[in-house]
Amino acid sequence: MREVRRFMIVFGLVSSLFDMLAFALLRLVFDADALLFHSAWFVLSLLTELAVLLILRTRGPAWASRPGRLLATLTAAVAVLAALLPQLPLTARLFEFVAWPLTLWCALIGLVLAYAVATEVAKRWFFSRPRAA
């Protein structure tokens, strides 16, 4: 249980830090109203969860261990679907999403990449530390 707690603390802190960065980005930089915040937060959350899935599936560097074909295909499909949902009129109306500018897309992709790097660094640190007895 100590290892599980330690894992939750380390990766929970990384996730929380990036949640706060995303909140600041959306509200302070892009002045997002409720609909834009809701739309961008949904996509960002999904993309970061997909990134962490690929990174934490192995103890080694994520890029050194290719995921299986099914996992890679489904991860890519969910990422594309997540990106399309706010853009398609039917799903945008259904989920009350709005499309957003290219600058916000670039910022969100940058945040996802930074989160992936931070998670990889945290994973290396986590697994390099001696395990609790």
Protein backbone atom coordinates (compact mmCIF):
# COMPACT_ATOMS: atom_id res chain seq x y z
CA MET A 1 0.00 0.00 0.00
CA ARG A 2 2.91 2.37 0.61
CA GLU A 3 3.99 2.05 -3.01
CA VAL A 4 0.47 2.71 -4.25
CA ARG A 5 0.23 5.77 -2.00
CA ARG A 6 3.62 7.01 -3.17
CA PHE A 7 2.61 6.47 -6.80
CA MET A 8 -0.64 8.37 -6.29
CA ILE A 9 1.14 11.27 -4.61
CA VAL A 10 3.89 11.63 -7.22
CA PHE A 11 1.71 11.36 -10.30
CA GLY A 12 -1.22 13.15 -8.66
CA LEU A 13 1.01 16.14 -7.98
CA VAL A 14 2.23 16.21 -11.58
CA SER A 15 -1.35 16.00 -12.84
CA SER A 16 -2.57 18.68 -10.43
CA LEU A 17 0.22 21.05 -11.43
CA PHE A 18 -0.77 20.73 -15.09
CA ASP A 19 -4.46 21.12 -14.21
CA MET A 20 -3.63 24.46 -12.60
CA LEU A 21 -1.53 25.47 -15.61
CA ALA A 22 -4.44 24.60 -17.89
CA PHE A 23 -6.88 26.60 -15.76
CA ALA A 24 -4.55 29.60 -15.86
CA LEU A 25 -4.01 29.26 -19.59
CA LEU A 26 -7.71 29.03 -20.36
CA ARG A 27 -8.88 31.80 -18.04
CA LEU A 28 -5.97 34.23 -17.95
CA VAL A 29 -4.48 33.90 -21.42
CA PHE A 30 -7.51 32.97 -23.54
CA ASP A 31 -10.21 34.55 -21.35
CA ALA A 32 -12.33 31.43 -21.87
CA ASP A 33 -16.02 31.67 -21.09
CA ALA A 34 -17.85 28.64 -19.68
CA LEU A 35 -18.48 26.99 -23.07
CA LEU A 36 -14.93 27.42 -24.34
CA PHE A 37 -13.49 26.27 -21.01
CA HIS A 38 -15.79 23.20 -21.02
CA SER A 39 -14.86 22.31 -24.60
CA ALA A 40 -11.12 22.79 -24.25
CA TRP A 41 -10.97 21.13 -20.83
CA PHE A 42 -12.73 18.01 -22.16
CA VAL A 43 -10.29 17.60 -25.04
CA LEU A 44 -7.24 18.46 -22.94
CA SER A 45 -8.23 15.99 -20.22
CA LEU A 46 -8.72 13.21 -22.73
CA LEU A 47 -5.41 13.89 -24.47
CA THR A 48 -3.44 13.98 -21.21
CA GLU A 49 -5.05 10.73 -20.06
CA LEU A 50 -4.07 9.09 -23.33
CA ALA A 51 -0.51 10.38 -22.93
CA VAL A 52 -0.23 9.08 -19.38
CA LEU A 53 -1.63 5.72 -20.50
CA LEU A 54 1.18 5.35 -23.02
CA ILE A 55 3.86 6.61 -20.63
CA LEU A 56 2.96 4.65 -17.50
CA ARG A 57 2.35 1.33 -19.23
CA THR A 58 6.06 0.53 -18.92
CA ARG A 59 8.82 1.29 -16.41
CA GLY A 60 11.29 2.14 -19.15
CA PRO A 61 11.21 5.15 -21.46
CA ALA A 62 7.86 5.26 -23.25
CA TRP A 63 9.53 5.76 -26.64
CA ALA A 64 11.70 2.64 -26.17
CA SER A 65 8.73 0.30 -25.85
CA ARG A 66 6.21 0.52 -28.64
CA PRO A 67 2.62 -0.16 -27.64
CA GLY A 68 0.77 -3.03 -29.22
CA ARG A 69 -1.03 -2.34 -32.49
CA LEU A 70 -4.48 -2.40 -30.87
CA LEU A 71 -3.51 0.00 -28.07
CA ALA A 72 -1.78 2.38 -30.50
CA THR A 73 -4.72 2.32 -32.91
CA LEU A 74 -7.36 2.86 -30.24
CA THR A 75 -5.33 5.62 -28.58
CA ALA A 76 -4.95 7.45 -31.88
CA ALA A 77 -8.64 6.97 -32.71
CA VAL A 78 -9.77 8.38 -29.37
CA ALA A 79 -7.39 11.34 -29.73
CA VAL A 80 -8.74 12.17 -33.20
CA LEU A 81 -12.33 11.74 -32.03
CA ALA A 82 -11.70 14.01 -29.04
CA ALA A 83 -10.25 16.68 -31.32
CA LEU A 84 -13.20 16.43 -33.72
CA LEU A 85 -16.06 16.53 -31.20
CA PRO A 86 -16.01 20.32 -30.70
CA GLN A 87 -15.66 20.87 -34.45
CA LEU A 88 -18.59 18.78 -35.68
CA PRO A 89 -21.96 20.58 -35.55
CA LEU A 90 -23.99 17.62 -34.24
CA THR A 91 -21.63 16.68 -31.40
CA ALA A 92 -20.87 20.32 -30.61
CA ARG A 93 -24.58 20.96 -30.08
CA LEU A 94 -25.13 17.69 -28.22
CA PHE A 95 -22.27 18.25 -25.74
CA GLU A 96 -22.46 22.07 -25.75
CA PHE A 97 -18.97 22.38 -27.19
CA VAL A 98 -17.57 25.28 -29.16
CA ALA A 99 -14.70 25.34 -31.62
CA TRP A 100 -11.65 27.38 -30.70
CA PRO A 101 -8.85 29.22 -32.49
CA LEU A 102 -5.65 27.66 -33.77
CA THR A 103 -3.64 29.51 -31.11
CA LEU A 104 -5.52 27.68 -28.37
CA TRP A 105 -5.00 24.36 -30.17
CA CYS A 106 -1.25 25.04 -30.27
CA ALA A 107 -1.20 25.98 -26.59
CA LEU A 108 -3.13 22.86 -25.61
CA ILE A 109 -0.89 20.58 -27.66
CA GLY A 110 2.12 22.25 -26.06
CA LEU A 111 0.62 21.64 -22.63
CA VAL A 112 -0.03 17.97 -23.43
CA LEU A 113 3.58 17.56 -24.62
CA ALA A 114 4.92 19.29 -21.50
CA TYR A 115 2.72 17.03 -19.36
CA ALA A 116 4.06 13.97 -21.17
CA VAL A 117 7.67 15.05 -20.56
CA ALA A 118 6.97 15.83 -16.89
CA THR A 119 5.26 12.47 -16.43
CA GLU A 120 8.18 10.65 -18.04
CA VAL A 121 10.64 12.50 -15.77
CA ALA A 122 8.48 11.73 -12.70
CA LYS A 123 8.30 8.08 -13.75
CA ARG A 124 12.08 7.83 -14.00
CA TRP A 125 12.45 9.45 -10.59
CA PHE A 126 9.73 7.25 -9.05
CA PHE A 127 11.24 4.00 -10.26
CA SER A 128 14.81 5.04 -9.43
CA ARG A 129 13.96 5.48 -5.74
CA PRO A 130 14.22 2.53 -3.35
CA ARG A 131 10.90 0.86 -2.69
CA ALA A 132 9.28 1.12 0.71
CA ALA A 133 9.69 -1.95 2.88
